[in-house]
Amino acid sequence: MPDISPLLDLPYLQPSQAQKHVTHNEALRRLDLVVQLTLAATGAETPPGAPSEGDIHALGTSPNAAWSGQAGRLAAWLDGAWHFFDPRPGWRAWDQGAGRLRVWDGGAWAEPPAPTQNLDGIGIATSSDATNRLSVRSPATLFSHEGAGHQIKVNKASDGDTASLLFQSNWTGHAEMGLAGNTGFSIKVSPDGGTWTEALAFDPATGIADGAAVQASAGDTTPGRLMRADYGYGPGNLLGTVSESGGTPTGAAIERGSTANGDYVRFADGTQICTATLSAVACTTAQGALFTNDTALTWDFPADFAPGTTPALSGSGGTALRFPGFDAPSNTQATCQVLSAVSDATPHAPTVMAVGRWI
């Protein structure tokens, strides 16, 4: 039979042993040290100047003075002297200095591993509850990559459920974004946490935006709203074919065109301007105190004006002392003659302009 126990090195009582109480008391003293083990400090290197009876220190890698050469061992102060013994893997001890439970892993006093799967809740600097099973109280929370990208995933059970981020002030919600009751991403805002406005929503099939922050119609000029591409004008639709419905433009803002009869410009408000250069004429036929060309000139407008309307006409005779005189126009054409203050056989081309409505 061996003299000591295999795990704690407790001395056994032997047959016919004298002073058995000494052996028994030595075993009790060792048990008193290691059962419910408490450490004054871990990683200790220098002995304290005034240790207390029963203090135990877990020595570091380079202990000195009375602890020299005892690296990694336990040093116990008993009866005015230091006693050393080795911890066994799996021993648990309370580290008084750090206020933590430690486990000897065979090489160092480490914190015992904590379970990380299927926990009821985790509270970091605060308490978790049945709804907020993960609760964090801190100035910031960091989620970082592990060598590449990083995703934060919020998953819901069905389309009708909610997967969102809620932003609060003093525990009152004021903004929320995510999938709220459907699969379209939306942003909602609230002044009091009770009344909510869907400011922006995106159709999951088309990506088209809608909501209170977006222009509701072509005539919506609410300050602060975002302009829709089909209700506003930009480089892509400022010029093009104009159209109008009930006084509201439904096409481009400006339309330009040319035909054999001249040029025209139409505006989305219904205004139309037509211009042309007519055939060159001479003015040699007496007309009272003036002179005119022989035959009246007919101008077919390059774009018709609105039925039942007549445009306003103006123009130039093509040179000084000449001017055109117009008959009453229709919505499709006008007739004019060029008048001159002097007889002039040199042909000059008159220019004409008509301003009216295309709708």
Protein backbone atom coordinates (compact mmCIF):
# COMPACT_ATOMS: atom_id res chain seq x y z
CA MET A 1 0.00 0.00 0.00
CA PRO A 2 1.43 3.45 -0.88
CA ASP A 3 2.16 6.03 1.78
CA ILE A 4 0.11 8.89 0.16
CA SER A 5 -3.14 9.23 -1.77
CA PRO A 6 -2.86 9.45 -5.57
CA LEU A 7 -4.68 12.77 -6.08
CA LEU A 8 -4.16 15.07 -3.07
CA ASP A 9 -0.98 13.49 -1.71
CA LEU A 10 -2.63 12.90 1.66
CA PRO A 11 -0.46 10.77 3.99
CA TYR A 12 -1.98 7.45 4.98
CA LEU A 13 -1.93 6.03 8.48
CA GLN A 14 0.29 2.98 8.56
CA PRO A 15 0.08 -0.14 10.74
CA SER A 16 2.07 0.13 13.98
CA GLN A 17 2.79 3.78 13.13
CA ALA A 18 3.91 5.93 16.05
CA GLN A 19 2.26 9.34 16.58
CA LYS A 20 -0.51 8.65 14.12
CA HIS A 21 -2.06 11.98 15.03
CA VAL A 22 0.81 13.78 13.27
CA THR A 23 0.08 11.99 10.01
CA HIS A 24 -3.65 12.52 10.44
CA ASN A 25 -3.23 16.23 11.17
CA GLU A 26 -0.97 16.65 8.10
CA ALA A 27 -3.72 15.17 5.93
CA LEU A 28 -6.32 17.45 7.51
CA ARG A 29 -4.12 20.51 6.95
CA ARG A 30 -3.74 19.66 3.27
CA LEU A 31 -7.48 19.14 2.96
CA ASP A 32 -8.03 22.50 4.65
CA LEU A 33 -5.93 24.13 1.94
CA VAL A 34 -7.32 22.54 -1.21
CA VAL A 35 -10.99 21.94 -0.36
CA GLN A 36 -12.96 25.07 -1.34
CA LEU A 37 -9.65 26.47 -2.60
CA THR A 38 -9.30 30.25 -2.38
CA LEU A 39 -6.34 32.15 -3.87
CA ALA A 40 -5.13 35.49 -2.61
CA ALA A 41 -3.81 36.16 -6.10
CA THR A 42 -2.87 34.39 -9.33
CA GLY A 43 0.33 34.90 -11.29
CA ALA A 44 2.08 36.09 -8.11
CA GLU A 45 5.83 36.73 -8.35
CA THR A 46 6.89 38.41 -5.06
CA PRO A 47 5.95 37.18 -1.57
CA PRO A 48 3.86 39.64 0.47
CA GLY A 49 5.58 41.30 3.41
CA ALA A 50 2.96 40.31 5.99
CA PRO A 51 1.04 37.24 4.83
CA SER A 52 -1.93 35.95 6.80
CA GLU A 53 -2.14 32.43 8.11
CA GLY A 54 -3.63 30.16 5.47
CA ASP A 55 -3.09 32.57 2.53
CA ILE A 56 -2.51 30.74 -0.73
CA HIS A 57 -0.91 32.32 -3.79
CA ALA A 58 -0.84 30.84 -7.29
CA LEU A 59 2.69 31.55 -8.45
CA GLY A 60 3.58 32.95 -11.84
CA THR A 61 6.36 31.98 -14.23
CA SER A 62 9.22 33.87 -12.48
CA PRO A 63 8.64 33.99 -8.72
CA ASN A 64 11.44 35.44 -6.60
CA ALA A 65 12.74 35.67 -3.02
CA ALA A 66 11.22 32.90 -0.86
CA TRP A 67 9.24 31.69 -3.88
CA SER A 68 12.23 31.34 -6.19
CA GLY A 69 12.20 28.10 -8.19
CA GLN A 70 8.53 27.37 -7.43
CA ALA A 71 7.00 28.59 -10.73
CA GLY A 72 3.44 27.42 -11.34
CA ARG A 73 2.99 25.97 -7.86
CA LEU A 74 0.75 26.98 -4.97
CA ALA A 75 2.41 28.75 -2.04
CA ALA A 76 0.61 28.50 1.33
CA TRP A 77 1.63 30.46 4.45
CA LEU A 78 1.39 28.13 7.43
CA ASP A 79 3.03 28.29 10.84
CA GLY A 80 5.31 31.13 9.85
CA ALA A 81 6.68 29.52 6.68
CA TRP A 82 5.82 28.98 3.04
CA HIS A 83 4.69 25.53 1.97
CA PHE A 84 4.49 24.60 -1.70
CA PHE A 85 2.38 22.04 -3.50
CA ASP A 86 1.29 21.40 -7.07
CA PRO A 87 -2.25 21.97 -8.37
CA ARG A 88 -3.90 19.20 -10.38
CA PRO A 89 -5.67 19.76 -13.72
CA GLY A 90 -9.33 20.52 -13.10
CA TRP A 91 -8.86 22.12 -9.69
CA ARG A 92 -11.20 25.09 -9.19
CA ALA A 93 -10.26 28.11 -7.08
CA TRP A 94 -11.74 31.49 -6.28
CA ASP A 95 -9.34 34.31 -7.23
CA GLN A 96 -9.91 36.91 -4.51
CA GLY A 97 -7.80 39.55 -6.27
CA ALA A 98 -9.71 39.35 -9.56
CA GLY A 99 -13.06 38.31 -8.12
CA ARG A 100 -13.32 35.42 -10.58
CA LEU A 101 -13.49 31.66 -10.57
CA ARG A 102 -10.37 29.98 -12.02
CA VAL A 103 -9.58 26.47 -13.25
CA TRP A 104 -6.09 24.96 -13.46
CA ASP A 105 -5.77 23.59 -17.00
CA GLY A 106 -2.36 22.05 -16.42
CA GLY A 107 -0.42 25.15 -17.42
CA ALA A 108 -2.31 28.21 -16.19
CA TRP A 109 -5.23 29.36 -14.04
CA ALA A 110 -7.89 30.07 -16.66
CA GLU A 111 -11.51 31.15 -16.44
CA PRO A 112 -13.84 28.15 -16.70
CA PRO A 113 -15.52 27.83 -20.10
CA ALA A 114 -19.06 29.20 -20.21
CA PRO A 115 -21.90 27.58 -22.18
CA THR A 116 -22.76 29.54 -25.34
CA GLN A 117 -25.52 27.48 -26.94
CA ASN A 118 -29.27 27.65 -26.27
CA LEU A 119 -28.96 30.20 -23.47
CA ASP A 120 -32.14 31.67 -21.99
CA GLY A 121 -30.72 35.17 -22.33
CA ILE A 122 -27.62 37.34 -22.21
CA GLY A 123 -27.43 40.76 -20.58
CA ILE A 124 -24.30 42.84 -21.08
CA ALA A 125 -24.15 45.62 -18.45
CA THR A 126 -27.94 45.26 -18.17
CA SER A 127 -30.61 42.58 -17.81
CA SER A 128 -32.21 40.51 -20.55
CA ASP A 129 -35.86 39.48 -20.45
CA ALA A 130 -38.25 37.12 -22.22
CA THR A 131 -38.62 39.52 -25.19
CA ASN A 132 -35.17 41.10 -25.28
CA ARG A 133 -33.13 37.95 -24.78
CA LEU A 134 -29.98 39.79 -25.83
CA SER A 135 -29.59 43.15 -24.08
CA VAL A 136 -26.57 45.45 -24.32
CA ARG A 137 -25.96 48.73 -22.50
CA SER A 138 -22.90 50.55 -23.81
CA PRO A 139 -21.81 53.66 -25.74
CA ALA A 140 -21.49 51.59 -28.92
CA THR A 141 -21.78 48.06 -30.27
CA LEU A 142 -19.31 46.76 -32.86
CA PHE A 143 -19.89 44.03 -35.43
CA SER A 144 -16.74 43.52 -37.50
CA HIS A 145 -15.59 41.28 -40.35
CA GLU A 146 -13.48 38.15 -40.06
CA GLY A 147 -11.23 38.78 -43.01
CA ALA A 148 -13.86 39.67 -45.61
CA GLY A 149 -17.42 41.03 -45.49
CA HIS A 150 -19.99 41.07 -42.70
CA GLN A 151 -23.80 40.78 -42.67
CA ILE A 152 -26.38 41.49 -39.99
CA LYS A 153 -29.46 39.36 -40.59
CA VAL A 154 -32.99 40.01 -39.29
CA ASN A 155 -35.30 37.11 -40.17
CA LYS A 156 -39.07 36.80 -39.71
CA ALA A 157 -41.34 33.77 -39.87
CA SER A 158 -43.81 34.90 -42.55
CA ASP A 159 -44.67 37.82 -44.83
CA GLY A 160 -47.22 39.21 -42.37
CA ASP A 161 -44.71 39.41 -39.52
CA THR A 162 -42.21 42.21 -38.88
CA ALA A 163 -38.44 42.24 -39.32
CA SER A 164 -37.22 45.74 -38.60
CA LEU A 165 -34.92 48.12 -36.75
CA LEU A 166 -36.72 50.39 -34.27
CA PHE A 167 -35.09 53.65 -33.17
CA GLN A 168 -36.23 55.04 -29.81
CA SER A 169 -35.68 58.11 -27.67
CA ASN A 170 -36.24 57.56 -23.93
CA TRP A 171 -37.96 54.25 -24.82
CA THR A 172 -40.42 55.95 -27.24
CA GLY A 173 -40.24 54.84 -30.87
CA HIS A 174 -39.69 57.56 -33.47
CA ALA A 175 -38.36 55.73 -36.54
CA GLU A 176 -38.56 52.19 -37.88
CA MET A 177 -37.20 50.61 -41.02
CA GLY A 178 -37.44 47.11 -42.42
CA LEU A 179 -40.12 44.64 -43.50
CA ALA A 180 -43.27 45.66 -41.63
CA GLY A 181 -46.14 43.28 -42.37
CA ASN A 182 -45.02 42.52 -45.92
CA THR A 183 -41.89 41.95 -48.00
CA GLY A 184 -41.46 45.58 -49.12
CA PHE A 185 -38.78 47.63 -47.40
CA SER A 186 -40.18 50.75 -45.74
CA ILE A 187 -39.22 53.60 -43.44
CA LYS A 188 -41.75 54.89 -40.91
CA VAL A 189 -41.54 57.89 -38.57
CA SER A 190 -43.55 58.97 -35.54
CA PRO A 191 -43.67 62.08 -33.32
CA ASP A 192 -44.93 60.18 -30.26
CA GLY A 193 -44.53 56.43 -30.78
CA GLY A 194 -48.28 56.04 -31.35
CA THR A 195 -49.01 57.74 -34.68
CA TRP A 196 -46.84 56.49 -37.53
CA THR A 197 -46.34 57.76 -41.08
CA GLU A 198 -44.87 55.60 -43.82
CA ALA A 199 -42.38 58.07 -45.24
CA LEU A 200 -40.80 55.80 -47.84
CA ALA A 201 -41.65 52.35 -49.19
CA PHE A 202 -40.15 50.28 -52.00
CA ASP A 203 -42.08 47.79 -54.10
CA PRO A 204 -40.16 44.48 -53.80
CA ALA A 205 -40.95 43.53 -57.41
CA THR A 206 -40.16 46.81 -59.20
CA GLY A 207 -38.09 48.79 -56.70
CA ILE A 208 -40.32 51.84 -57.29
CA ALA A 209 -40.55 54.21 -54.32
CA ASP A 210 -43.75 55.47 -52.73
CA GLY A 211 -44.84 57.03 -49.44
CA ALA A 212 -45.50 60.35 -47.75
CA ALA A 213 -42.03 61.65 -48.66
CA VAL A 214 -42.67 61.12 -52.38
CA GLN A 215 -44.65 63.37 -54.74
CA ALA A 216 -48.23 62.01 -54.86
CA SER A 217 -49.24 63.51 -58.21
CA ALA A 218 -47.94 65.77 -60.95
CA GLY A 219 -49.61 68.72 -59.22
CA ASP A 220 -48.25 67.88 -55.76
CA THR A 221 -45.87 70.67 -54.72
CA THR A 222 -45.77 69.87 -50.98
CA PRO A 223 -42.50 71.32 -49.61
CA GLY A 224 -39.90 68.71 -48.77
CA ARG A 225 -41.31 65.88 -50.88
CA LEU A 226 -39.13 63.97 -53.33
CA MET A 227 -39.99 64.55 -56.99
CA ARG A 228 -41.01 61.51 -59.03
CA ALA A 229 -39.35 61.08 -62.42
CA ASP A 230 -42.72 60.80 -64.16
CA TYR A 231 -44.03 63.97 -62.48
CA GLY A 232 -41.01 66.24 -62.83
CA TYR A 233 -38.66 67.40 -65.55
CA GLY A 234 -34.99 66.75 -66.14
CA PRO A 235 -32.53 66.34 -69.00
CA GLY A 236 -34.25 63.16 -70.11
CA ASN A 237 -37.78 64.50 -70.53
CA LEU A 238 -37.54 68.30 -70.73
CA LEU A 239 -37.56 68.16 -74.54
CA GLY A 240 -39.91 65.81 -76.37
CA THR A 241 -43.54 65.51 -77.40
CA VAL A 242 -45.76 67.74 -75.29
CA SER A 243 -49.19 66.61 -74.14
CA GLU A 244 -51.71 67.79 -71.61
CA SER A 245 -54.72 66.44 -69.76
CA GLY A 246 -57.10 68.75 -67.92
CA GLY A 247 -54.49 71.48 -67.78
CA THR A 248 -51.81 69.18 -66.37
CA PRO A 249 -48.79 68.38 -68.58
CA THR A 250 -48.48 64.67 -69.32
CA GLY A 251 -45.53 64.76 -71.70
CA ALA A 252 -42.39 66.83 -72.17
CA ALA A 253 -42.11 70.52 -71.24
CA ILE A 254 -40.95 71.77 -74.64
CA GLU A 255 -41.43 70.34 -78.13
CA ARG A 256 -39.52 71.56 -81.18
CA GLY A 257 -40.14 70.58 -84.78
CA SER A 258 -39.58 71.53 -88.42
CA THR A 259 -41.49 70.92 -91.65
CA ALA A 260 -41.29 72.28 -95.19
CA ASN A 261 -43.50 75.16 -93.95
CA GLY A 262 -41.16 76.32 -91.16
CA ASP A 263 -40.32 75.66 -87.52
CA TYR A 264 -42.50 75.44 -84.43
CA VAL A 265 -42.08 75.34 -80.65
CA ARG A 266 -44.77 74.02 -78.33
CA PHE A 267 -44.78 74.49 -74.55
CA ALA A 268 -46.50 72.29 -71.98
CA ASP A 269 -48.74 75.20 -70.92
CA GLY A 270 -50.39 75.18 -74.39
CA THR A 271 -48.41 78.01 -76.04
CA GLN A 272 -47.24 77.48 -79.64
CA ILE A 273 -44.88 79.64 -81.74
CA CYS A 274 -44.46 79.09 -85.50
CA THR A 275 -41.83 80.79 -87.67
CA ALA A 276 -40.92 80.64 -91.38
CA THR A 277 -39.05 82.38 -94.18
CA LEU A 278 -41.28 82.83 -97.23
CA SER A 279 -40.35 83.13 -100.89
CA ALA A 280 -38.38 86.19 -101.95
CA VAL A 281 -40.50 88.87 -103.70
CA ALA A 282 -40.07 92.25 -105.36
CA CYS A 283 -42.29 95.20 -104.45
CA THR A 284 -43.07 97.17 -107.62
CA THR A 285 -46.90 97.19 -107.80
CA ALA A 286 -48.38 100.49 -106.64
CA GLN A 287 -50.80 100.17 -103.72
CA GLY A 288 -51.89 103.70 -102.86
CA ALA A 289 -48.84 105.50 -101.52
CA LEU A 290 -47.03 102.15 -101.09
CA PHE A 291 -45.80 99.37 -103.31
CA THR A 292 -46.45 95.65 -102.92
CA ASN A 293 -45.59 92.32 -104.48
CA ASP A 294 -47.79 91.02 -107.27
CA THR A 295 -49.34 87.91 -105.64
CA ALA A 296 -50.36 87.29 -102.03
CA LEU A 297 -48.26 84.74 -100.17
CA THR A 298 -49.98 81.83 -98.39
CA TRP A 299 -48.27 80.36 -95.32
CA ASP A 300 -49.37 76.94 -94.10
CA PHE A 301 -48.32 76.72 -90.49
CA PRO A 302 -45.74 74.00 -89.74
CA ALA A 303 -48.02 72.88 -86.86
CA ASP A 304 -51.74 73.58 -86.56
CA PHE A 305 -53.04 75.77 -83.79
CA ALA A 306 -55.99 74.63 -81.67
CA PRO A 307 -59.29 74.50 -83.65
CA GLY A 308 -61.38 77.63 -83.19
CA THR A 309 -58.37 79.77 -82.30
CA THR A 310 -56.42 82.26 -84.36
CA PRO A 311 -52.78 83.13 -83.69
CA ALA A 312 -51.25 86.58 -83.46
CA LEU A 313 -49.06 87.37 -86.50
CA SER A 314 -45.96 89.48 -86.96
CA GLY A 315 -42.93 89.54 -89.23
CA SER A 316 -40.34 91.39 -91.30
CA GLY A 317 -40.35 92.37 -94.98
CA GLY A 318 -36.81 91.04 -95.45
CA THR A 319 -35.15 94.45 -95.72
CA ALA A 320 -35.49 98.02 -94.50
CA LEU A 321 -38.65 99.93 -95.53
CA ARG A 322 -40.61 96.67 -96.07
CA PHE A 323 -43.20 94.98 -93.82
CA PRO A 324 -45.80 92.21 -94.23
CA GLY A 325 -49.52 92.84 -94.15
CA PHE A 326 -51.70 89.89 -93.06
CA ASP A 327 -55.30 88.91 -93.76
CA ALA A 328 -57.26 87.29 -90.89
CA PRO A 329 -55.63 83.87 -90.30
CA SER A 330 -57.21 80.50 -89.60
CA ASN A 331 -55.80 77.94 -87.23
CA THR A 332 -53.88 76.30 -90.09
CA GLN A 333 -52.67 79.09 -92.40
CA ALA A 334 -52.28 82.81 -93.01
CA THR A 335 -52.09 85.01 -96.14
CA CYS A 336 -49.95 88.13 -96.49
CA GLN A 337 -48.51 90.63 -98.92
CA VAL A 338 -45.25 92.49 -98.52
CA LEU A 339 -45.57 96.30 -98.54
CA SER A 340 -42.75 98.73 -99.30
CA ALA A 341 -42.37 102.46 -98.92
CA VAL A 342 -40.55 102.62 -102.29
CA SER A 343 -40.70 100.65 -105.50
CA ASP A 344 -38.04 97.97 -105.22
CA ALA A 345 -37.46 95.29 -107.87
CA THR A 346 -34.88 93.40 -105.79
CA PRO A 347 -36.35 90.14 -104.39
CA HIS A 348 -36.17 89.81 -100.61
CA ALA A 349 -37.55 86.96 -98.50
CA PRO A 350 -39.94 88.01 -95.71
CA THR A 351 -39.94 86.24 -92.29
CA VAL A 352 -43.17 85.59 -90.43
CA MET A 353 -44.17 84.46 -86.92
CA ALA A 354 -47.45 83.23 -85.41
CA VAL A 355 -48.08 82.91 -81.66
CA GLY A 356 -51.13 81.13 -80.26
CA ARG A 357 -52.42 78.01 -78.54
CA TRP A 358 -51.97 74.41 -79.59
CA ILE A 359 -54.58 73.22 -77.09
